[in-house]
Structures are given as structure tokens and as C-alpha cells.
Amino acid sequence: SSGSSGKPIFTDESYLELYRKQKKHLNTQQLTAFQLLFA
């Protein structure tokens, strides 16, 4: 059956949206890790 599975759409910005909600400041390496783990 075709129909939305209800999963959030993944975009390059998705991890940034999540990151901004966290109130944490990550450095480049940490943010890269976050992005890679997110993907």
C-alpha cells in the first residue's frame, strides 16, 4: 500500500534543527560526528 509511513523527512538541515534544540555548543568535530550519526 502506498501511503506515508510517518517517518520524518531526512534533509541536510534535519540534524541542525535537532542540534539547535539541544542548547549545547559542539565544536566542528563533535558536530560532524553528530551529523554522521544522524545520517
ModelCIF file with pLDDT and N, C-alpha, C, O atoms, coordinates in Angstrom:
data_MODEL
#
_entry.id   MODEL 
#
_entity.id                         1 
_entity.type                       polymer 
_entity.pdbx_number_of_molecules   1 
#
_entity_poly.entity_id                      1 
_entity_poly.type                           'polypeptide(L)' 
_entity_poly.nstd_linkage                   no 
_entity_poly.nstd_monomer                   no 
_entity_poly.pdbx_seq_one_letter_code       SSGSSGKPIFTDESYLELYRKQKKHLNTQQLTAFQLLFA 
_entity_poly.pdbx_seq_one_letter_code_can   SSGSSGKPIFTDESYLELYRKQKKHLNTQQLTAFQLLFA 
_entity_poly.pdbx_strand_id                 A 
#
loop_
_entity_poly_seq.entity_id 
_entity_poly_seq.num 
_entity_poly_seq.mon_id 
_entity_poly_seq.hetero 
1 1  SER n 
1 2  SER n 
1 3  GLY n 
1 4  SER n 
1 5  SER n 
1 6  GLY n 
1 7  LYS n 
1 8  PRO n 
1 9  ILE n 
1 10 PHE n 
1 11 THR n 
1 12 ASP n 
1 13 GLU n 
1 14 SER n 
1 15 TYR n 
1 16 LEU n 
1 17 GLU n 
1 18 LEU n 
1 19 TYR n 
1 20 ARG n 
1 21 LYS n 
1 22 GLN n 
1 23 LYS n 
1 24 LYS n 
1 25 HIS n 
1 26 LEU n 
1 27 ASN n 
1 28 THR n 
1 29 GLN n 
1 30 GLN n 
1 31 LEU n 
1 32 THR n 
1 33 ALA n 
1 34 PHE n 
1 35 GLN n 
1 36 LEU n 
1 37 LEU n 
1 38 PHE n 
1 39 ALA n 
#
_struct_asym.id          A 
_struct_asym.entity_id   1 
#
loop_
_ma_qa_metric.id 
_ma_qa_metric.mode 
_ma_qa_metric.name 
_ma_qa_metric.software_group_id 
_ma_qa_metric.type 
1 global pLDDT . pLDDT 
2 local  pLDDT . pLDDT 
#
_ma_qa_metric_global.metric_id      1 
_ma_qa_metric_global.metric_value   74.41 
_ma_qa_metric_global.model_id       1 
_ma_qa_metric_global.ordinal_id     1 
#
loop_
_ma_qa_metric_local.label_asym_id 
_ma_qa_metric_local.label_comp_id 
_ma_qa_metric_local.label_seq_id 
_ma_qa_metric_local.metric_id 
_ma_qa_metric_local.metric_value 
_ma_qa_metric_local.model_id 
_ma_qa_metric_local.ordinal_id 
A SER 1  2 48.00 1 1  
A SER 2  2 49.00 1 2  
A GLY 3  2 48.00 1 3  
A SER 4  2 49.00 1 4  
A SER 5  2 54.00 1 5  
A GLY 6  2 54.00 1 6  
A LYS 7  2 56.00 1 7  
A PRO 8  2 56.00 1 8  
A ILE 9  2 58.00 1 9  
A PHE 10 2 57.00 1 10 
A THR 11 2 60.00 1 11 
A ASP 12 2 63.00 1 12 
A GLU 13 2 72.00 1 13 
A SER 14 2 75.00 1 14 
A TYR 15 2 71.00 1 15 
A LEU 16 2 74.00 1 16 
A GLU 17 2 78.00 1 17 
A LEU 18 2 76.00 1 18 
A TYR 19 2 67.00 1 19 
A ARG 20 2 76.00 1 20 
A LYS 21 2 79.00 1 21 
A GLN 22 2 74.00 1 22 
A LYS 23 2 72.00 1 23 
A LYS 24 2 75.00 1 24 
A HIS 25 2 79.00 1 25 
A LEU 26 2 85.00 1 26 
A ASN 27 2 89.00 1 27 
A THR 28 2 89.00 1 28 
A GLN 29 2 94.00 1 29 
A GLN 30 2 92.00 1 30 
A LEU 31 2 91.00 1 31 
A THR 32 2 92.00 1 32 
A ALA 33 2 93.00 1 33 
A PHE 34 2 92.00 1 34 
A GLN 35 2 92.00 1 35 
A LEU 36 2 94.00 1 36 
A LEU 37 2 94.00 1 37 
A PHE 38 2 92.00 1 38 
A ALA 39 2 93.00 1 39 
#
loop_
_atom_site.group_PDB 
_atom_site.id 
_atom_site.type_symbol 
_atom_site.label_atom_id 
_atom_site.label_alt_id 
_atom_site.label_comp_id 
_atom_site.label_asym_id 
_atom_site.label_entity_id 
_atom_site.label_seq_id 
_atom_site.pdbx_PDB_ins_code 
_atom_site.Cartn_x 
_atom_site.Cartn_y 
_atom_site.Cartn_z 
_atom_site.occupancy 
_atom_site.B_iso_or_equiv 
_atom_site.pdbx_formal_charge 
_atom_site.auth_seq_id 
_atom_site.auth_comp_id 
_atom_site.auth_asym_id 
_atom_site.auth_atom_id 
_atom_site.pdbx_PDB_model_num 
ATOM 1   N N  . SER A 1 1  ? 0.836  -1.186 0.000  1.00 48.00 ? 1  SER A N  1 
ATOM 2   C CA . SER A 1 1  ? 0.000  0.000  0.000  1.00 48.00 ? 1  SER A CA 1 
ATOM 3   C C  . SER A 1 1  ? 0.873  1.239  0.000  1.00 48.00 ? 1  SER A C  1 
ATOM 4   O O  . SER A 1 1  ? 1.814  1.346  0.787  1.00 48.00 ? 1  SER A O  1 
ATOM 5   N N  . SER A 1 2  ? 0.563  2.167  -0.878 1.00 49.00 ? 2  SER A N  1 
ATOM 6   C CA . SER A 1 2  ? 1.314  3.410  -0.864 1.00 49.00 ? 2  SER A CA 1 
ATOM 7   C C  . SER A 1 2  ? 0.664  4.331  0.148  1.00 49.00 ? 2  SER A C  1 
ATOM 8   O O  . SER A 1 2  ? -0.560 4.450  0.214  1.00 49.00 ? 2  SER A O  1 
ATOM 9   N N  . GLY A 1 3  ? 1.510  4.983  0.936  1.00 48.00 ? 3  GLY A N  1 
ATOM 10  C CA . GLY A 1 3  ? 0.974  5.859  1.972  1.00 48.00 ? 3  GLY A CA 1 
ATOM 11  C C  . GLY A 1 3  ? 2.151  6.250  2.824  1.00 48.00 ? 3  GLY A C  1 
ATOM 12  O O  . GLY A 1 3  ? 3.117  5.493  2.909  1.00 48.00 ? 3  GLY A O  1 
ATOM 13  N N  . SER A 1 4  ? 2.110  7.398  3.456  1.00 49.00 ? 4  SER A N  1 
ATOM 14  C CA . SER A 1 4  ? 3.255  7.855  4.216  1.00 49.00 ? 4  SER A CA 1 
ATOM 15  C C  . SER A 1 4  ? 3.449  6.961  5.428  1.00 49.00 ? 4  SER A C  1 
ATOM 16  O O  . SER A 1 4  ? 2.491  6.614  6.119  1.00 49.00 ? 4  SER A O  1 
ATOM 17  N N  . SER A 1 5  ? 4.695  6.593  5.677  1.00 54.00 ? 5  SER A N  1 
ATOM 18  C CA . SER A 1 5  ? 4.994  5.728  6.808  1.00 54.00 ? 5  SER A CA 1 
ATOM 19  C C  . SER A 1 5  ? 5.074  6.537  8.095  1.00 54.00 ? 5  SER A C  1 
ATOM 20  O O  . SER A 1 5  ? 5.226  5.980  9.182  1.00 54.00 ? 5  SER A O  1 
ATOM 21  N N  . GLY A 1 6  ? 4.969  7.860  7.962  1.00 54.00 ? 6  GLY A N  1 
ATOM 22  C CA . GLY A 1 6  ? 5.001  8.697  9.145  1.00 54.00 ? 6  GLY A CA 1 
ATOM 23  C C  . GLY A 1 6  ? 6.402  8.955  9.655  1.00 54.00 ? 6  GLY A C  1 
ATOM 24  O O  . GLY A 1 6  ? 6.579  9.493  10.748 1.00 54.00 ? 6  GLY A O  1 
ATOM 25  N N  . LYS A 1 7  ? 7.407  8.572  8.866  1.00 56.00 ? 7  LYS A N  1 
ATOM 26  C CA . LYS A 1 7  ? 8.777  8.856  9.289  1.00 56.00 ? 7  LYS A CA 1 
ATOM 27  C C  . LYS A 1 7  ? 9.132  10.288 8.906  1.00 56.00 ? 7  LYS A C  1 
ATOM 28  O O  . LYS A 1 7  ? 8.715  10.781 7.859  1.00 56.00 ? 7  LYS A O  1 
ATOM 29  N N  . PRO A 1 8  ? 9.908  10.952 9.766  1.00 56.00 ? 8  PRO A N  1 
ATOM 30  C CA . PRO A 1 8  ? 10.305 12.316 9.430  1.00 56.00 ? 8  PRO A CA 1 
ATOM 31  C C  . PRO A 1 8  ? 11.150 12.350 8.160  1.00 56.00 ? 8  PRO A C  1 
ATOM 32  O O  . PRO A 1 8  ? 11.925 11.431 7.897  1.00 56.00 ? 8  PRO A O  1 
ATOM 33  N N  . ILE A 1 9  ? 10.999 13.387 7.399  1.00 58.00 ? 9  ILE A N  1 
ATOM 34  C CA . ILE A 1 9  ? 11.785 13.525 6.180  1.00 58.00 ? 9  ILE A CA 1 
ATOM 35  C C  . ILE A 1 9  ? 13.215 13.895 6.558  1.00 58.00 ? 9  ILE A C  1 
ATOM 36  O O  . ILE A 1 9  ? 13.438 14.772 7.392  1.00 58.00 ? 9  ILE A O  1 
ATOM 37  N N  . PHE A 1 10 ? 14.172 13.224 5.944  1.00 57.00 ? 10 PHE A N  1 
ATOM 38  C CA . PHE A 1 10 ? 15.565 13.494 6.258  1.00 57.00 ? 10 PHE A CA 1 
ATOM 39  C C  . PHE A 1 10 ? 16.135 14.488 5.254  1.00 57.00 ? 10 PHE A C  1 
ATOM 40  O O  . PHE A 1 10 ? 16.120 14.242 4.048  1.00 57.00 ? 10 PHE A O  1 
ATOM 41  N N  . THR A 1 11 ? 16.632 15.599 5.754  1.00 60.00 ? 11 THR A N  1 
ATOM 42  C CA . THR A 1 11 ? 17.301 16.570 4.903  1.00 60.00 ? 11 THR A CA 1 
ATOM 43  C C  . THR A 1 11 ? 18.633 16.921 5.531  1.00 60.00 ? 11 THR A C  1 
ATOM 44  O O  . THR A 1 11 ? 18.915 16.534 6.665  1.00 60.00 ? 11 THR A O  1 
ATOM 45  N N  . ASP A 1 12 ? 19.449 17.652 4.798  1.00 63.00 ? 12 ASP A N  1 
ATOM 46  C CA . ASP A 1 12 ? 20.739 18.060 5.327  1.00 63.00 ? 12 ASP A CA 1 
ATOM 47  C C  . ASP A 1 12 ? 20.595 18.959 6.548  1.00 63.00 ? 12 ASP A C  1 
ATOM 48  O O  . ASP A 1 12 ? 21.503 19.072 7.371  1.00 63.00 ? 12 ASP A O  1 
ATOM 49  N N  . GLU A 1 13 ? 19.424 19.598 6.643  1.00 72.00 ? 13 GLU A N  1 
ATOM 50  C CA . GLU A 1 13 ? 19.209 20.527 7.748  1.00 72.00 ? 13 GLU A CA 1 
ATOM 51  C C  . GLU A 1 13 ? 18.629 19.842 8.989  1.00 72.00 ? 13 GLU A C  1 
ATOM 52  O O  . GLU A 1 13 ? 18.592 20.427 10.072 1.00 72.00 ? 13 GLU A O  1 
ATOM 53  N N  . SER A 1 14 ? 18.179 18.603 8.817  1.00 75.00 ? 14 SER A N  1 
ATOM 54  C CA . SER A 1 14 ? 17.494 17.925 9.914  1.00 75.00 ? 14 SER A CA 1 
ATOM 55  C C  . SER A 1 14 ? 18.334 17.883 11.184 1.00 75.00 ? 14 SER A C  1 
ATOM 56  O O  . SER A 1 14 ? 17.840 18.153 12.278 1.00 75.00 ? 14 SER A O  1 
ATOM 57  N N  . TYR A 1 15 ? 19.607 17.540 11.026 1.00 71.00 ? 15 TYR A N  1 
ATOM 58  C CA . TYR A 1 15 ? 20.447 17.408 12.208 1.00 71.00 ? 15 TYR A CA 1 
ATOM 59  C C  . TYR A 1 15 ? 20.680 18.769 12.863 1.00 71.00 ? 15 TYR A C  1 
ATOM 60  O O  . TYR A 1 15 ? 20.840 18.865 14.080 1.00 71.00 ? 15 TYR A O  1 
ATOM 61  N N  . LEU A 1 16 ? 20.696 19.829 12.033 1.00 74.00 ? 16 LEU A N  1 
ATOM 62  C CA . LEU A 1 16 ? 20.884 21.170 12.578 1.00 74.00 ? 16 LEU A CA 1 
ATOM 63  C C  . LEU A 1 16 ? 19.680 21.603 13.415 1.00 74.00 ? 16 LEU A C  1 
ATOM 64  O O  . LEU A 1 16 ? 19.825 22.226 14.467 1.00 74.00 ? 16 LEU A O  1 
ATOM 65  N N  . GLU A 1 17 ? 18.504 21.261 12.927 1.00 78.00 ? 17 GLU A N  1 
ATOM 66  C CA . GLU A 1 17 ? 17.293 21.584 13.682 1.00 78.00 ? 17 GLU A CA 1 
ATOM 67  C C  . GLU A 1 17 ? 17.340 20.914 15.050 1.00 78.00 ? 17 GLU A C  1 
ATOM 68  O O  . GLU A 1 17 ? 17.028 21.521 16.074 1.00 78.00 ? 17 GLU A O  1 
ATOM 69  N N  . LEU A 1 18 ? 17.737 19.646 15.036 1.00 76.00 ? 18 LEU A N  1 
ATOM 70  C CA . LEU A 1 18 ? 17.837 18.892 16.275 1.00 76.00 ? 18 LEU A CA 1 
ATOM 71  C C  . LEU A 1 18 ? 18.929 19.489 17.169 1.00 76.00 ? 18 LEU A C  1 
ATOM 72  O O  . LEU A 1 18 ? 18.757 19.620 18.381 1.00 76.00 ? 18 LEU A O  1 
ATOM 73  N N  . TYR A 1 19 ? 20.038 19.843 16.552 1.00 67.00 ? 19 TYR A N  1 
ATOM 74  C CA . TYR A 1 19 ? 21.166 20.413 17.286 1.00 67.00 ? 19 TYR A CA 1 
ATOM 75  C C  . TYR A 1 19 ? 20.774 21.704 17.994 1.00 67.00 ? 19 TYR A C  1 
ATOM 76  O O  . TYR A 1 19 ? 21.138 21.923 19.149 1.00 67.00 ? 19 TYR A O  1 
ATOM 77  N N  . ARG A 1 20 ? 20.033 22.551 17.297 1.00 76.00 ? 20 ARG A N  1 
ATOM 78  C CA . ARG A 1 20 ? 19.649 23.845 17.873 1.00 76.00 ? 20 ARG A CA 1 
ATOM 79  C C  . ARG A 1 20 ? 18.713 23.680 19.066 1.00 76.00 ? 20 ARG A C  1 
ATOM 80  O O  . ARG A 1 20 ? 18.685 24.518 19.968 1.00 76.00 ? 20 ARG A O  1 
ATOM 81  N N  . LYS A 1 21 ? 17.950 22.593 19.060 1.00 79.00 ? 21 LYS A N  1 
ATOM 82  C CA . LYS A 1 21 ? 17.041 22.345 20.175 1.00 79.00 ? 21 LYS A CA 1 
ATOM 83  C C  . LYS A 1 21 ? 17.794 21.925 21.440 1.00 79.00 ? 21 LYS A C  1 
ATOM 84  O O  . LYS A 1 21 ? 17.269 22.024 22.549 1.00 79.00 ? 21 LYS A O  1 
ATOM 85  N N  . GLN A 1 22 ? 19.030 21.454 21.257 1.00 74.00 ? 22 GLN A N  1 
ATOM 86  C CA . GLN A 1 22 ? 19.732 20.828 22.373 1.00 74.00 ? 22 GLN A CA 1 
ATOM 87  C C  . GLN A 1 22 ? 20.366 21.806 23.353 1.00 74.00 ? 22 GLN A C  1 
ATOM 88  O O  . GLN A 1 22 ? 20.748 21.410 24.454 1.00 74.00 ? 22 GLN A O  1 
ATOM 89  N N  . LYS A 1 23 ? 20.483 23.066 22.976 1.00 72.00 ? 23 LYS A N  1 
ATOM 90  C CA . LYS A 1 23 ? 21.113 24.068 23.837 1.00 72.00 ? 23 LYS A CA 1 
ATOM 91  C C  . LYS A 1 23 ? 22.544 23.684 24.208 1.00 72.00 ? 23 LYS A C  1 
ATOM 92  O O  . LYS A 1 23 ? 23.036 24.024 25.284 1.00 72.00 ? 23 LYS A O  1 
ATOM 93  N N  . LYS A 1 24 ? 23.189 22.979 23.307 1.00 75.00 ? 24 LYS A N  1 
ATOM 94  C CA . LYS A 1 24 ? 24.587 22.630 23.545 1.00 75.00 ? 24 LYS A CA 1 
ATOM 95  C C  . LYS A 1 24 ? 25.420 23.235 22.432 1.00 75.00 ? 24 LYS A C  1 
ATOM 96  O O  . LYS A 1 24 ? 24.943 23.433 21.315 1.00 75.00 ? 24 LYS A O  1 
ATOM 97  N N  . HIS A 1 25 ? 26.677 23.525 22.753 1.00 79.00 ? 25 HIS A N  1 
ATOM 98  C CA . HIS A 1 25 ? 27.559 24.056 21.721 1.00 79.00 ? 25 HIS A CA 1 
ATOM 99  C C  . HIS A 1 25 ? 28.628 23.019 21.410 1.00 79.00 ? 25 HIS A C  1 
ATOM 100 O O  . HIS A 1 25 ? 29.501 22.743 22.233 1.00 79.00 ? 25 HIS A O  1 
ATOM 101 N N  . LEU A 1 26 ? 28.551 22.456 20.230 1.00 85.00 ? 26 LEU A N  1 
ATOM 102 C CA . LEU A 1 26 ? 29.514 21.451 19.814 1.00 85.00 ? 26 LEU A CA 1 
ATOM 103 C C  . LEU A 1 26 ? 30.564 22.100 18.923 1.00 85.00 ? 26 LEU A C  1 
ATOM 104 O O  . LEU A 1 26 ? 30.274 23.043 18.187 1.00 85.00 ? 26 LEU A O  1 
ATOM 105 N N  . ASN A 1 27 ? 31.782 21.585 18.998 1.00 89.00 ? 27 ASN A N  1 
ATOM 106 C CA . ASN A 1 27 ? 32.805 22.069 18.076 1.00 89.00 ? 27 ASN A CA 1 
ATOM 107 C C  . ASN A 1 27 ? 32.681 21.337 16.742 1.00 89.00 ? 27 ASN A C  1 
ATOM 108 O O  . ASN A 1 27 ? 31.801 20.494 16.567 1.00 89.00 ? 27 ASN A O  1 
ATOM 109 N N  . THR A 1 28 ? 33.556 21.662 15.817 1.00 89.00 ? 28 THR A N  1 
ATOM 110 C CA . THR A 1 28 ? 33.462 21.090 14.474 1.00 89.00 ? 28 THR A CA 1 
ATOM 111 C C  . THR A 1 28 ? 33.433 19.569 14.497 1.00 89.00 ? 28 THR A C  1 
ATOM 112 O O  . THR A 1 28 ? 32.594 18.943 13.850 1.00 89.00 ? 28 THR A O  1 
ATOM 113 N N  . GLN A 1 29 ? 34.354 18.985 15.245 1.00 94.00 ? 29 GLN A N  1 
ATOM 114 C CA . GLN A 1 29 ? 34.452 17.529 15.289 1.00 94.00 ? 29 GLN A CA 1 
ATOM 115 C C  . GLN A 1 29 ? 33.194 16.903 15.879 1.00 94.00 ? 29 GLN A C  1 
ATOM 116 O O  . GLN A 1 29 ? 32.683 15.903 15.373 1.00 94.00 ? 29 GLN A O  1 
ATOM 117 N N  . GLN A 1 30 ? 32.708 17.507 16.953 1.00 92.00 ? 30 GLN A N  1 
ATOM 118 C CA . GLN A 1 30 ? 31.519 16.978 17.606 1.00 92.00 ? 30 GLN A CA 1 
ATOM 119 C C  . GLN A 1 30 ? 30.294 17.101 16.706 1.00 92.00 ? 30 GLN A C  1 
ATOM 120 O O  . GLN A 1 30 ? 29.468 16.192 16.625 1.00 92.00 ? 30 GLN A O  1 
ATOM 121 N N  . LEU A 1 31 ? 30.198 18.241 16.036 1.00 91.00 ? 31 LEU A N  1 
ATOM 122 C CA . LEU A 1 31 ? 29.051 18.470 15.171 1.00 91.00 ? 31 LEU A CA 1 
ATOM 123 C C  . LEU A 1 31 ? 29.103 17.541 13.956 1.00 91.00 ? 31 LEU A C  1 
ATOM 124 O O  . LEU A 1 31 ? 28.071 17.061 13.487 1.00 91.00 ? 31 LEU A O  1 
ATOM 125 N N  . THR A 1 32 ? 30.307 17.295 13.457 1.00 92.00 ? 32 THR A N  1 
ATOM 126 C CA . THR A 1 32 ? 30.473 16.357 12.347 1.00 92.00 ? 32 THR A CA 1 
ATOM 127 C C  . THR A 1 32 ? 30.047 14.954 12.772 1.00 92.00 ? 32 THR A C  1 
ATOM 128 O O  . THR A 1 32 ? 29.352 14.253 12.037 1.00 92.00 ? 32 THR A O  1 
ATOM 129 N N  . ALA A 1 33 ? 30.471 14.561 13.959 1.00 93.00 ? 33 ALA A N  1 
ATOM 130 C CA . ALA A 1 33 ? 30.087 13.252 14.492 1.00 93.00 ? 33 ALA A CA 1 
ATOM 131 C C  . ALA A 1 33 ? 28.567 13.164 14.618 1.00 93.00 ? 33 ALA A C  1 
ATOM 132 O O  . ALA A 1 33 ? 27.954 12.152 14.277 1.00 93.00 ? 33 ALA A O  1 
ATOM 133 N N  . PHE A 1 34 ? 27.978 14.249 15.118 1.00 92.00 ? 34 PHE A N  1 
ATOM 134 C CA . PHE A 1 34 ? 26.529 14.319 15.280 1.00 92.00 ? 34 PHE A CA 1 
ATOM 135 C C  . PHE A 1 34 ? 25.833 14.149 13.934 1.00 92.00 ? 34 PHE A C  1 
ATOM 136 O O  . PHE A 1 34 ? 24.850 13.417 13.814 1.00 92.00 ? 34 PHE A O  1 
ATOM 137 N N  . GLN A 1 35 ? 26.359 14.836 12.927 1.00 92.00 ? 35 GLN A N  1 
ATOM 138 C CA . GLN A 1 35 ? 25.789 14.762 11.587 1.00 92.00 ? 35 GLN A CA 1 
ATOM 139 C C  . GLN A 1 35 ? 25.910 13.352 11.009 1.00 92.00 ? 35 GLN A C  1 
ATOM 140 O O  . GLN A 1 35 ? 24.959 12.828 10.430 1.00 92.00 ? 35 GLN A O  1 
ATOM 141 N N  . LEU A 1 36 ? 27.076 12.749 11.170 1.00 94.00 ? 36 LEU A N  1 
ATOM 142 C CA . LEU A 1 36 ? 27.318 11.409 10.652 1.00 94.00 ? 36 LEU A CA 1 
ATOM 143 C C  . LEU A 1 36 ? 26.441 10.372 11.354 1.00 94.00 ? 36 LEU A C  1 
ATOM 144 O O  . LEU A 1 36 ? 25.888 9.474  10.719 1.00 94.00 ? 36 LEU A O  1 
ATOM 145 N N  . LEU A 1 37 ? 26.326 10.513 12.672 1.00 94.00 ? 37 LEU A N  1 
ATOM 146 C CA . LEU A 1 37 ? 25.482 9.597  13.439 1.00 94.00 ? 37 LEU A CA 1 
ATOM 147 C C  . LEU A 1 37 ? 24.016 9.761  13.055 1.00 94.00 ? 37 LEU A C  1 
ATOM 148 O O  . LEU A 1 37 ? 23.260 8.792  12.985 1.00 94.00 ? 37 LEU A O  1 
ATOM 149 N N  . PHE A 1 38 ? 23.640 11.001 12.812 1.00 92.00 ? 38 PHE A N  1 
ATOM 150 C CA . PHE A 1 38 ? 22.262 11.298 12.416 1.00 92.00 ? 38 PHE A CA 1 
ATOM 151 C C  . PHE A 1 38 ? 21.932 10.598 11.100 1.00 92.00 ? 38 PHE A C  1 
ATOM 152 O O  . PHE A 1 38 ? 20.875 9.984  10.953 1.00 92.00 ? 38 PHE A O  1 
ATOM 153 N N  . ALA A 1 39 ? 22.857 10.704 10.150 1.00 93.00 ? 39 ALA A N  1 
ATOM 154 C CA . ALA A 1 39 ? 22.657 10.073 8.840  1.00 93.00 ? 39 ALA A CA 1 
ATOM 155 C C  . ALA A 1 39 ? 22.647 8.549  8.968  1.00 93.00 ? 39 ALA A C  1 
ATOM 156 O O  . ALA A 1 39 ? 22.490 7.847  7.970  1.00 93.00 ? 39 ALA A O  1 
#
